[in-house]
């Protein structure tokens, strides 16, 4: 393999990824080449005629074989970007999705001035991406991230430290709000919402490599909303706002679950593809 140019190997890699059913074949090939060669993305694009050594070819092949097997790029690289921040990703957490930035945008728009001392509660923190993205925008805000997975919270805590937000972010194991006290100005969540019967039809990157605990929402995909909604009612401040991510077809059903628990749905925010993605709600009556 030594002596082949980067351009030749990228061309072969794109074909392999395309044959494997990977839509982002060209981008993924460049990202993995950058990691294997320890280059930045711009250098990969600018030097297709660079001849690679045997060790460089071997390093690239190892990464390409993993992606060809449909392992997510975020897991291969060990990190993913969200809200222009870099988050560590492991098999214990979901990789941050661009669609989830809809929640951050909606919460920022609703909460007002950046200098407000907002208190935030994040149910199902995972990597911590939602909470930490908001804290990065609000220098006086503080937040608590909840998850049932100690391994996930270890990742979230590490991300807070890497981003310099550890003084304003805490993470705690709890089954919803069982071990949580107080009320919060802002409650956020991206709960598991995939119906069990739909799981097997999803892409291999999800079904084979991501934690089912963070994905599966019971037989109808709404089980976690039924547990989450009363927890929000108990923990949301009287004038606070809640922002909950939903599946693209769950605006009506998940909204109904929130309403039945005592929340008033005020808006449904759409993602960049135009799909309903986040429900905004407040308390239906003063608690």
C-alpha atoms as a PDB file:
ATOM      1  CA  UNK A   1       0.000   0.000   0.000  1.00  0.00           C
ATOM      2  CA  UNK A   2       2.939   2.350   0.537  1.00  0.00           C
ATOM      3  CA  UNK A   3       3.474   4.806  -2.300  1.00  0.00           C
ATOM      4  CA  UNK A   4      -0.217   5.322  -2.937  1.00  0.00           C
ATOM      5  CA  UNK A   5      -1.299   8.927  -2.839  1.00  0.00           C
ATOM      6  CA  UNK A   6      -3.785  10.312  -0.394  1.00  0.00           C
ATOM      7  CA  UNK A   7      -6.130  11.111  -3.260  1.00  0.00           C
ATOM      8  CA  UNK A   8      -6.072   7.509  -4.483  1.00  0.00           C
ATOM      9  CA  UNK A   9      -6.795   6.157  -1.022  1.00  0.00           C
ATOM     10  CA  UNK A  10      -9.593   8.656  -0.460  1.00  0.00           C
ATOM     11  CA  UNK A  11     -11.165   7.682  -3.770  1.00  0.00           C
ATOM     12  CA  UNK A  12     -11.045   3.998  -2.797  1.00  0.00           C
ATOM     13  CA  UNK A  13     -12.385   4.761   0.667  1.00  0.00           C
ATOM     14  CA  UNK A  14     -15.336   6.747  -0.653  1.00  0.00           C
ATOM     15  CA  UNK A  15     -16.270   3.826  -2.907  1.00  0.00           C
ATOM     16  CA  UNK A  16     -16.033   1.365  -0.016  1.00  0.00           C
ATOM     17  CA  UNK A  17     -18.187   3.560   2.203  1.00  0.00           C
ATOM     18  CA  UNK A  18     -20.740   4.120  -0.557  1.00  0.00           C
ATOM     19  CA  UNK A  19     -20.952   0.382  -1.192  1.00  0.00           C
ATOM     20  CA  UNK A  20     -21.509  -0.103   2.558  1.00  0.00           C
ATOM     21  CA  UNK A  21     -24.526   2.222   2.432  1.00  0.00           C
ATOM     22  CA  UNK A  22     -22.925   5.221   4.119  1.00  0.00           C
ATOM     23  CA  UNK A  23     -24.432   8.505   2.922  1.00  0.00           C
ATOM     24  CA  UNK A  24     -21.644  10.737   4.250  1.00  0.00           C
ATOM     25  CA  UNK A  25     -18.922   8.747   2.494  1.00  0.00           C
ATOM     26  CA  UNK A  26     -16.751  11.631   1.299  1.00  0.00           C
ATOM     27  CA  UNK A  27     -16.877  13.597   4.554  1.00  0.00           C
ATOM     28  CA  UNK A  28     -16.205  10.509   6.650  1.00  0.00           C
ATOM     29  CA  UNK A  29     -13.234   9.550   4.476  1.00  0.00           C
ATOM     30  CA  UNK A  30     -11.667  12.966   4.980  1.00  0.00           C
ATOM     31  CA  UNK A  31     -12.275  12.962   8.739  1.00  0.00           C
ATOM     32  CA  UNK A  32     -10.681   9.554   9.154  1.00  0.00           C
ATOM     33  CA  UNK A  33      -7.748  10.496   6.941  1.00  0.00           C
ATOM     34  CA  UNK A  34      -7.165  13.575   9.075  1.00  0.00           C
ATOM     35  CA  UNK A  35      -7.085  11.410  12.203  1.00  0.00           C
ATOM     36  CA  UNK A  36      -4.848   8.721  10.694  1.00  0.00           C
ATOM     37  CA  UNK A  37      -2.334  11.249   9.344  1.00  0.00           C
ATOM     38  CA  UNK A  38      -2.634  13.632  12.303  1.00  0.00           C
ATOM     39  CA  UNK A  39      -3.454  16.447   9.889  1.00  0.00           C
ATOM     40  CA  UNK A  40      -6.202  19.014   9.939  1.00  0.00           C
ATOM     41  CA  UNK A  41      -9.069  18.751   7.459  1.00  0.00           C
ATOM     42  CA  UNK A  42      -7.781  21.598   5.294  1.00  0.00           C
ATOM     43  CA  UNK A  43      -4.444  19.843   4.759  1.00  0.00           C
ATOM     44  CA  UNK A  44      -6.223  16.639   3.735  1.00  0.00           C
ATOM     45  CA  UNK A  45      -8.146  18.535   1.064  1.00  0.00           C
ATOM     46  CA  UNK A  46      -5.098  20.486  -0.105  1.00  0.00           C
ATOM     47  CA  UNK A  47      -2.657  17.579  -0.550  1.00  0.00           C
ATOM     48  CA  UNK A  48      -4.269  14.771  -2.584  1.00  0.00           C
ATOM     49  CA  UNK A  49      -0.915  14.042  -4.306  1.00  0.00           C
ATOM     50  CA  UNK A  50       0.883  13.292  -1.036  1.00  0.00           C
ATOM     51  CA  UNK A  51       2.363   9.791  -1.118  1.00  0.00           C
ATOM     52  CA  UNK A  52       1.672   7.908   2.088  1.00  0.00           C
ATOM     53  CA  UNK A  53       4.042   5.627   3.965  1.00  0.00           C
ATOM     54  CA  UNK A  54       3.214   2.042   4.868  1.00  0.00           C
ATOM     55  CA  UNK A  55       2.505   3.023   8.468  1.00  0.00           C
ATOM     56  CA  UNK A  56       0.208   5.853   7.371  1.00  0.00           C
ATOM     57  CA  UNK A  57      -1.682   3.538   5.031  1.00  0.00           C
ATOM     58  CA  UNK A  58      -2.037   0.978   7.804  1.00  0.00           C
ATOM     59  CA  UNK A  59      -3.341   3.571  10.268  1.00  0.00           C
ATOM     60  CA  UNK A  60      -5.909   4.778   7.755  1.00  0.00           C
ATOM     61  CA  UNK A  61      -7.004   1.251   6.849  1.00  0.00           C
ATOM     62  CA  UNK A  62      -7.695   0.407  10.491  1.00  0.00           C
ATOM     63  CA  UNK A  63     -10.046   3.378  10.787  1.00  0.00           C
ATOM     64  CA  UNK A  64     -11.673   2.783   7.406  1.00  0.00           C
ATOM     65  CA  UNK A  65     -12.417  -0.859   8.270  1.00  0.00           C
ATOM     66  CA  UNK A  66     -14.211   0.234  11.439  1.00  0.00           C
ATOM     67  CA  UNK A  67     -16.335   2.775   9.567  1.00  0.00           C
ATOM     68  CA  UNK A  68     -17.036   0.285   6.782  1.00  0.00           C
ATOM     69  CA  UNK A  69     -18.456  -1.945   9.517  1.00  0.00           C
ATOM     70  CA  UNK A  70     -20.813   1.001  10.249  1.00  0.00           C
ATOM     71  CA  UNK A  71     -19.207   2.101  13.513  1.00  0.00           C
ATOM     72  CA  UNK A  72     -20.106   5.802  13.920  1.00  0.00           C
ATOM     73  CA  UNK A  73     -17.395   8.333  13.131  1.00  0.00           C
ATOM     74  CA  UNK A  74     -17.905   9.978  16.526  1.00  0.00           C
ATOM     75  CA  UNK A  75     -17.030   6.720  18.284  1.00  0.00           C
ATOM     76  CA  UNK A  76     -14.030   6.088  16.058  1.00  0.00           C
ATOM     77  CA  UNK A  77     -12.686   9.590  16.669  1.00  0.00           C
ATOM     78  CA  UNK A  78     -13.845   9.688  20.293  1.00  0.00           C
ATOM     79  CA  UNK A  79     -15.437  13.092  19.982  1.00  0.00           C
ATOM     80  CA  UNK A  80     -18.142  15.078  18.214  1.00  0.00           C
ATOM     81  CA  UNK A  81     -18.935  18.755  17.715  1.00  0.00           C
ATOM     82  CA  UNK A  82     -22.111  20.265  19.128  1.00  0.00           C
ATOM     83  CA  UNK A  83     -22.927  23.971  19.330  1.00  0.00           C
ATOM     84  CA  UNK A  84     -19.339  24.648  18.138  1.00  0.00           C
ATOM     85  CA  UNK A  85     -18.046  22.836  21.227  1.00  0.00           C
ATOM     86  CA  UNK A  86     -16.061  19.604  21.267  1.00  0.00           C
ATOM     87  CA  UNK A  87     -17.549  16.705  23.262  1.00  0.00           C
ATOM     88  CA  UNK A  88     -15.950  13.416  24.197  1.00  0.00           C
ATOM     89  CA  UNK A  89     -18.043  10.465  23.017  1.00  0.00           C
ATOM     90  CA  UNK A  90     -17.865   6.863  24.263  1.00  0.00           C
ATOM     91  CA  UNK A  91     -20.078   3.766  23.789  1.00  0.00           C
ATOM     92  CA  UNK A  92     -21.860   4.761  27.024  1.00  0.00           C
ATOM     93  CA  UNK A  93     -23.504   7.859  25.528  1.00  0.00           C
ATOM     94  CA  UNK A  94     -25.326   9.010  22.434  1.00  0.00           C
ATOM     95  CA  UNK A  95     -23.243  11.138  20.119  1.00  0.00           C
ATOM     96  CA  UNK A  96     -24.677  14.680  20.039  1.00  0.00           C
ATOM     97  CA  UNK A  97     -26.976  15.267  17.052  1.00  0.00           C
ATOM     98  CA  UNK A  98     -27.310  18.525  15.121  1.00  0.00           C
ATOM     99  CA  UNK A  99     -31.099  18.259  15.504  1.00  0.00           C
ATOM    100  CA  UNK A 100     -30.695  18.699  19.261  1.00  0.00           C
ATOM    101  CA  UNK A 101     -29.272  22.175  18.718  1.00  0.00           C
ATOM    102  CA  UNK A 102     -32.920  23.140  18.113  1.00  0.00           C
ATOM    103  CA  UNK A 103     -33.485  22.785  21.853  1.00  0.00           C
ATOM    104  CA  UNK A 104     -30.533  25.016  22.704  1.00  0.00           C
ATOM    105  CA  UNK A 105     -31.699  27.684  20.252  1.00  0.00           C
ATOM    106  CA  UNK A 106     -35.244  27.629  21.610  1.00  0.00           C
ATOM    107  CA  UNK A 107     -34.138  27.814  25.241  1.00  0.00           C
ATOM    108  CA  UNK A 108     -31.762  30.692  24.545  1.00  0.00           C
ATOM    109  CA  UNK A 109     -34.463  32.614  22.737  1.00  0.00           C
ATOM    110  CA  UNK A 110     -36.970  32.132  25.556  1.00  0.00           C
ATOM    111  CA  UNK A 111     -34.775  32.863  28.561  1.00  0.00           C
ATOM    112  CA  UNK A 112     -33.766  36.421  27.711  1.00  0.00           C
ATOM    113  CA  UNK A 113     -30.625  38.262  28.811  1.00  0.00           C
ATOM    114  CA  UNK A 114     -27.313  36.416  28.927  1.00  0.00           C
ATOM    115  CA  UNK A 115     -26.411  37.822  32.344  1.00  0.00           C
ATOM    116  CA  UNK A 116     -29.359  36.223  34.119  1.00  0.00           C
ATOM    117  CA  UNK A 117     -28.561  33.678  36.831  1.00  0.00           C
ATOM    118  CA  UNK A 118     -30.626  30.903  35.284  1.00  0.00           C
ATOM    119  CA  UNK A 119     -30.866  27.541  37.061  1.00  0.00           C
ATOM    120  CA  UNK A 120     -31.054  24.570  34.697  1.00  0.00           C
ATOM    121  CA  UNK A 121     -32.053  20.937  35.237  1.00  0.00           C
ATOM    122  CA  UNK A 122     -31.202  18.443  32.502  1.00  0.00           C
ATOM    123  CA  UNK A 123     -32.940  15.056  32.626  1.00  0.00           C
ATOM    124  CA  UNK A 124     -30.919  12.397  30.789  1.00  0.00           C
ATOM    125  CA  UNK A 125     -27.709  14.379  30.499  1.00  0.00           C
ATOM    126  CA  UNK A 126     -25.683  11.864  28.456  1.00  0.00           C
ATOM    127  CA  UNK A 127     -22.604  13.690  27.179  1.00  0.00           C
ATOM    128  CA  UNK A 128     -23.856  16.853  28.876  1.00  0.00           C
ATOM    129  CA  UNK A 129     -24.090  18.578  25.512  1.00  0.00           C
ATOM    130  CA  UNK A 130     -27.408  20.352  26.091  1.00  0.00           C
ATOM    131  CA  UNK A 131     -26.599  21.642  29.557  1.00  0.00           C
ATOM    132  CA  UNK A 132     -23.029  22.595  28.742  1.00  0.00           C
ATOM    133  CA  UNK A 133     -24.002  24.364  25.516  1.00  0.00           C
ATOM    134  CA  UNK A 134     -26.427  26.544  27.486  1.00  0.00           C
ATOM    135  CA  UNK A 135     -23.890  27.222  30.237  1.00  0.00           C
ATOM    136  CA  UNK A 136     -21.383  28.278  27.588  1.00  0.00           C
ATOM    137  CA  UNK A 137     -23.831  30.991  26.511  1.00  0.00           C
ATOM    138  CA  UNK A 138     -24.942  32.103  29.985  1.00  0.00           C
ATOM    139  CA  UNK A 139     -21.925  32.964  32.179  1.00  0.00           C
ATOM    140  CA  UNK A 140     -24.043  33.306  35.323  1.00  0.00           C
ATOM    141  CA  UNK A 141     -26.147  30.188  34.851  1.00  0.00           C
ATOM    142  CA  UNK A 142     -25.718  26.981  36.831  1.00  0.00           C
ATOM    143  CA  UNK A 143     -27.019  23.540  36.075  1.00  0.00           C
ATOM    144  CA  UNK A 144     -27.592  20.007  37.290  1.00  0.00           C
ATOM    145  CA  UNK A 145     -27.441  17.076  34.889  1.00  0.00           C
ATOM    146  CA  UNK A 146     -29.303  13.881  35.818  1.00  0.00           C
ATOM    147  CA  UNK A 147     -28.841  10.409  34.377  1.00  0.00           C
ATOM    148  CA  UNK A 148     -29.347   6.826  35.542  1.00  0.00           C
ATOM    149  CA  UNK A 149     -26.009   5.829  34.002  1.00  0.00           C
ATOM    150  CA  UNK A 150     -22.911   6.484  36.106  1.00  0.00           C
ATOM    151  CA  UNK A 151     -20.769   5.835  33.031  1.00  0.00           C
ATOM    152  CA  UNK A 152     -22.621   8.506  31.063  1.00  0.00           C
ATOM    153  CA  UNK A 153     -22.249  11.020  33.877  1.00  0.00           C
ATOM    154  CA  UNK A 154     -18.524  10.346  33.999  1.00  0.00           C
ATOM    155  CA  UNK A 155     -18.366  11.366  30.339  1.00  0.00           C
ATOM    156  CA  UNK A 156     -20.477  14.461  31.016  1.00  0.00           C
ATOM    157  CA  UNK A 157     -18.313  15.487  33.958  1.00  0.00           C
ATOM    158  CA  UNK A 158     -15.197  15.091  31.843  1.00  0.00           C
ATOM    159  CA  UNK A 159     -16.731  17.244  29.124  1.00  0.00           C
ATOM    160  CA  UNK A 160     -17.562  19.953  31.658  1.00  0.00           C
ATOM    161  CA  UNK A 161     -13.952  19.984  32.824  1.00  0.00           C
ATOM    162  CA  UNK A 162     -12.543  20.065  29.319  1.00  0.00           C
ATOM    163  CA  UNK A 163     -14.795  23.026  28.481  1.00  0.00           C
ATOM    164  CA  UNK A 164     -13.956  24.896  31.678  1.00  0.00           C
ATOM    165  CA  UNK A 165     -17.536  24.691  32.959  1.00  0.00           C
ATOM    166  CA  UNK A 166     -17.033  22.370  35.931  1.00  0.00           C
ATOM    167  CA  UNK A 167     -17.641  25.153  38.474  1.00  0.00           C
ATOM    168  CA  UNK A 168     -21.180  25.708  37.181  1.00  0.00           C
ATOM    169  CA  UNK A 169     -22.227  22.175  36.183  1.00  0.00           C
ATOM    170  CA  UNK A 170     -23.003  19.292  38.530  1.00  0.00           C
ATOM    171  CA  UNK A 171     -23.938  15.766  37.549  1.00  0.00           C
ATOM    172  CA  UNK A 172     -25.856  13.291  39.665  1.00  0.00           C
ATOM    173  CA  UNK A 173     -27.250   9.788  39.345  1.00  0.00           C
ATOM    174  CA  UNK A 174     -31.022   9.776  39.798  1.00  0.00           C
ATOM    175  CA  UNK A 175     -34.063   7.961  38.444  1.00  0.00           C
ATOM    176  CA  UNK A 176     -35.726  11.058  37.018  1.00  0.00           C
ATOM    177  CA  UNK A 177     -36.196  13.431  39.983  1.00  0.00           C
ATOM    178  CA  UNK A 178     -36.191  10.815  42.757  1.00  0.00           C
ATOM    179  CA  UNK A 179     -32.999  12.277  44.272  1.00  0.00           C
ATOM    180  CA  UNK A 180     -33.449  15.880  43.135  1.00  0.00           C
ATOM    181  CA  UNK A 181     -34.504  18.784  45.333  1.00  0.00           C
ATOM    182  CA  UNK A 182     -35.723  22.271  44.542  1.00  0.00           C
ATOM    183  CA  UNK A 183     -37.162  23.947  41.472  1.00  0.00           C
ATOM    184  CA  UNK A 184     -35.407  25.229  38.375  1.00  0.00           C
ATOM    185  CA  UNK A 185     -35.933  28.094  35.957  1.00  0.00           C
ATOM    186  CA  UNK A 186     -35.266  25.851  32.995  1.00  0.00           C
ATOM    187  CA  UNK A 187     -35.843  22.112  32.624  1.00  0.00           C
ATOM    188  CA  UNK A 188     -34.476  20.426  29.512  1.00  0.00           C
ATOM    189  CA  UNK A 189     -34.456  16.854  28.283  1.00  0.00           C
ATOM    190  CA  UNK A 190     -33.755  14.669  25.292  1.00  0.00           C
ATOM    191  CA  UNK A 191     -35.373  11.461  26.574  1.00  0.00           C
ATOM    192  CA  UNK A 192     -35.386   8.055  24.884  1.00  0.00           C
ATOM    193  CA  UNK A 193     -38.253   8.123  22.390  1.00  0.00           C
ATOM    194  CA  UNK A 194     -37.796   5.307  19.882  1.00  0.00           C
ATOM    195  CA  UNK A 195     -40.572   2.712  19.941  1.00  0.00           C
ATOM    196  CA  UNK A 196     -39.199  -0.763  20.555  1.00  0.00           C
ATOM    197  CA  UNK A 197     -40.810  -2.105  17.387  1.00  0.00           C
ATOM    198  CA  UNK A 198     -39.048   0.514  15.273  1.00  0.00           C
ATOM    199  CA  UNK A 199     -35.567  -0.041  16.662  1.00  0.00           C
ATOM    200  CA  UNK A 200     -34.481  -2.873  14.374  1.00  0.00           C
ATOM    201  CA  UNK A 201     -35.236  -0.793  11.272  1.00  0.00           C
ATOM    202  CA  UNK A 202     -32.796   1.969  12.233  1.00  0.00           C
ATOM    203  CA  UNK A 203     -29.306   2.326  10.813  1.00  0.00           C
ATOM    204  CA  UNK A 204     -26.600  -0.062  12.083  1.00  0.00           C
ATOM    205  CA  UNK A 205     -24.720   2.892  13.571  1.00  0.00           C
ATOM    206  CA  UNK A 206     -27.580   3.172  16.057  1.00  0.00           C
ATOM    207  CA  UNK A 207     -28.713  -0.402  16.596  1.00  0.00           C
ATOM    208  CA  UNK A 208     -25.231  -1.894  16.967  1.00  0.00           C
ATOM    209  CA  UNK A 209     -23.193   0.829  18.578  1.00  0.00           C
ATOM    210  CA  UNK A 210     -25.326   3.188  20.655  1.00  0.00           C
ATOM    211  CA  UNK A 211     -26.746   2.495  24.134  1.00  0.00           C
ATOM    212  CA  UNK A 212     -30.315   1.230  24.034  1.00  0.00           C
ATOM    213  CA  UNK A 213     -30.915   2.749  27.474  1.00  0.00           C
ATOM    214  CA  UNK A 214     -30.647   6.196  25.903  1.00  0.00           C
ATOM    215  CA  UNK A 215     -32.798   5.339  22.889  1.00  0.00           C
ATOM    216  CA  UNK A 216     -35.716   3.064  23.671  1.00  0.00           C
ATOM    217  CA  UNK A 217     -38.959   4.636  24.856  1.00  0.00           C
ATOM    218  CA  UNK A 218     -41.119   1.568  25.406  1.00  0.00           C
ATOM    219  CA  UNK A 219     -43.638  -0.049  23.104  1.00  0.00           C
ATOM    220  CA  UNK A 220     -45.014   3.263  21.806  1.00  0.00           C
ATOM    221  CA  UNK A 221     -41.975   5.495  22.316  1.00  0.00           C
ATOM    222  CA  UNK A 222     -43.766   7.533  24.993  1.00  0.00           C
ATOM    223  CA  UNK A 223     -42.830   5.683  28.183  1.00  0.00           C
ATOM    224  CA  UNK A 224     -40.137   8.144  29.189  1.00  0.00           C
ATOM    225  CA  UNK A 225     -42.411  11.133  28.546  1.00  0.00           C
ATOM    226  CA  UNK A 226     -44.899   9.627  30.990  1.00  0.00           C
ATOM    227  CA  UNK A 227     -42.207   9.488  33.676  1.00  0.00           C
ATOM    228  CA  UNK A 228     -40.571  12.772  32.681  1.00  0.00           C
ATOM    229  CA  UNK A 229     -43.693  14.941  32.594  1.00  0.00           C
ATOM    230  CA  UNK A 230     -44.639  14.716  36.299  1.00  0.00           C
ATOM    231  CA  UNK A 231     -40.964  15.150  37.191  1.00  0.00           C
ATOM    232  CA  UNK A 232     -40.971  18.409  35.237  1.00  0.00           C
ATOM    233  CA  UNK A 233     -44.105  19.550  37.071  1.00  0.00           C
ATOM    234  CA  UNK A 234     -42.421  18.860  40.413  1.00  0.00           C
ATOM    235  CA  UNK A 235     -39.124  20.563  39.526  1.00  0.00           C
ATOM    236  CA  UNK A 236     -40.080  23.494  37.308  1.00  0.00           C
ATOM    237  CA  UNK A 237     -40.277  26.942  38.921  1.00  0.00           C
ATOM    238  CA  UNK A 238     -43.700  28.637  38.638  1.00  0.00           C
ATOM    239  CA  UNK A 239     -42.565  30.944  35.832  1.00  0.00           C
ATOM    240  CA  UNK A 240     -40.046  28.505  34.373  1.00  0.00           C
ATOM    241  CA  UNK A 241     -39.931  26.900  30.954  1.00  0.00           C
ATOM    242  CA  UNK A 242     -39.385  23.308  29.885  1.00  0.00           C
ATOM    243  CA  UNK A 243     -37.921  22.214  26.553  1.00  0.00           C
ATOM    244  CA  UNK A 244     -38.227  18.558  25.584  1.00  0.00           C
ATOM    245  CA  UNK A 245     -36.919  16.927  22.427  1.00  0.00           C
ATOM    246  CA  UNK A 246     -39.306  14.648  20.526  1.00  0.00           C
ATOM    247  CA  UNK A 247     -39.306  12.345  17.540  1.00  0.00           C
ATOM    248  CA  UNK A 248     -40.378  13.908  14.255  1.00  0.00           C
ATOM    249  CA  UNK A 249     -43.877  12.383  14.471  1.00  0.00           C
ATOM    250  CA  UNK A 250     -44.464  12.814  18.218  1.00  0.00           C
ATOM    251  CA  UNK A 251     -45.535  16.454  18.571  1.00  0.00           C
ATOM    252  CA  UNK A 252     -49.183  15.569  19.184  1.00  0.00           C
ATOM    253  CA  UNK A 253     -48.737  12.410  21.245  1.00  0.00           C
ATOM    254  CA  UNK A 254     -45.867  13.606  23.433  1.00  0.00           C
ATOM    255  CA  UNK A 255     -47.582  16.987  23.805  1.00  0.00           C
ATOM    256  CA  UNK A 256     -50.691  15.215  25.072  1.00  0.00           C
ATOM    257  CA  UNK A 257     -48.643  13.338  27.682  1.00  0.00           C
ATOM    258  CA  UNK A 258     -47.122  16.606  28.925  1.00  0.00           C
ATOM    259  CA  UNK A 259     -50.527  18.283  29.051  1.00  0.00           C
ATOM    260  CA  UNK A 260     -52.113  15.457  31.022  1.00  0.00           C
ATOM    261  CA  UNK A 261     -49.375  15.815  33.647  1.00  0.00           C
ATOM    262  CA  UNK A 262     -50.141  19.493  34.231  1.00  0.00           C
ATOM    263  CA  UNK A 263     -48.000  21.282  31.673  1.00  0.00           C
ATOM    264  CA  UNK A 264     -49.212  23.820  29.136  1.00  0.00           C
ATOM    265  CA  UNK A 265     -47.582  23.367  25.706  1.00  0.00           C
ATOM    266  CA  UNK A 266     -46.835  26.828  24.319  1.00  0.00           C
ATOM    267  CA  UNK A 267     -44.828  26.034  21.188  1.00  0.00           C
ATOM    268  CA  UNK A 268     -43.362  23.295  19.026  1.00  0.00           C
ATOM    269  CA  UNK A 269     -39.986  24.188  17.531  1.00  0.00           C
ATOM    270  CA  UNK A 270     -38.862  22.699  14.222  1.00  0.00           C
ATOM    271  CA  UNK A 271     -35.369  21.565  13.280  1.00  0.00           C
ATOM    272  CA  UNK A 272     -33.491  22.666  10.171  1.00  0.00           C
ATOM    273  CA  UNK A 273     -35.213  19.972   8.123  1.00  0.00           C
ATOM    274  CA  UNK A 274     -38.599  21.387   9.111  1.00  0.00           C
ATOM    275  CA  UNK A 275     -39.550  18.496  11.414  1.00  0.00           C
ATOM    276  CA  UNK A 276     -41.164  19.112  14.814  1.00  0.00           C
ATOM    277  CA  UNK A 277     -38.272  18.584  17.223  1.00  0.00           C
ATOM    278  CA  UNK A 278     -38.780  20.350  20.569  1.00  0.00           C
ATOM    279  CA  UNK A 279     -41.833  20.987  22.716  1.00  0.00           C
ATOM    280  CA  UNK A 280     -41.796  24.126  24.847  1.00  0.00           C
ATOM    281  CA  UNK A 281     -44.050  24.099  27.909  1.00  0.00           C
ATOM    282  CA  UNK A 282     -44.715  25.698  31.279  1.00  0.00           C
ATOM    283  CA  UNK A 283     -46.786  24.848  34.303  1.00  0.00           C
ATOM    284  CA  UNK A 284     -50.498  24.837  33.570  1.00  0.00           C
ATOM    285  CA  UNK A 285     -51.211  26.277  37.021  1.00  0.00           C
ATOM    286  CA  UNK A 286     -48.937  27.765  39.683  1.00  0.00           C
ATOM    287  CA  UNK A 287     -47.464  24.959  41.680  1.00  0.00           C
END
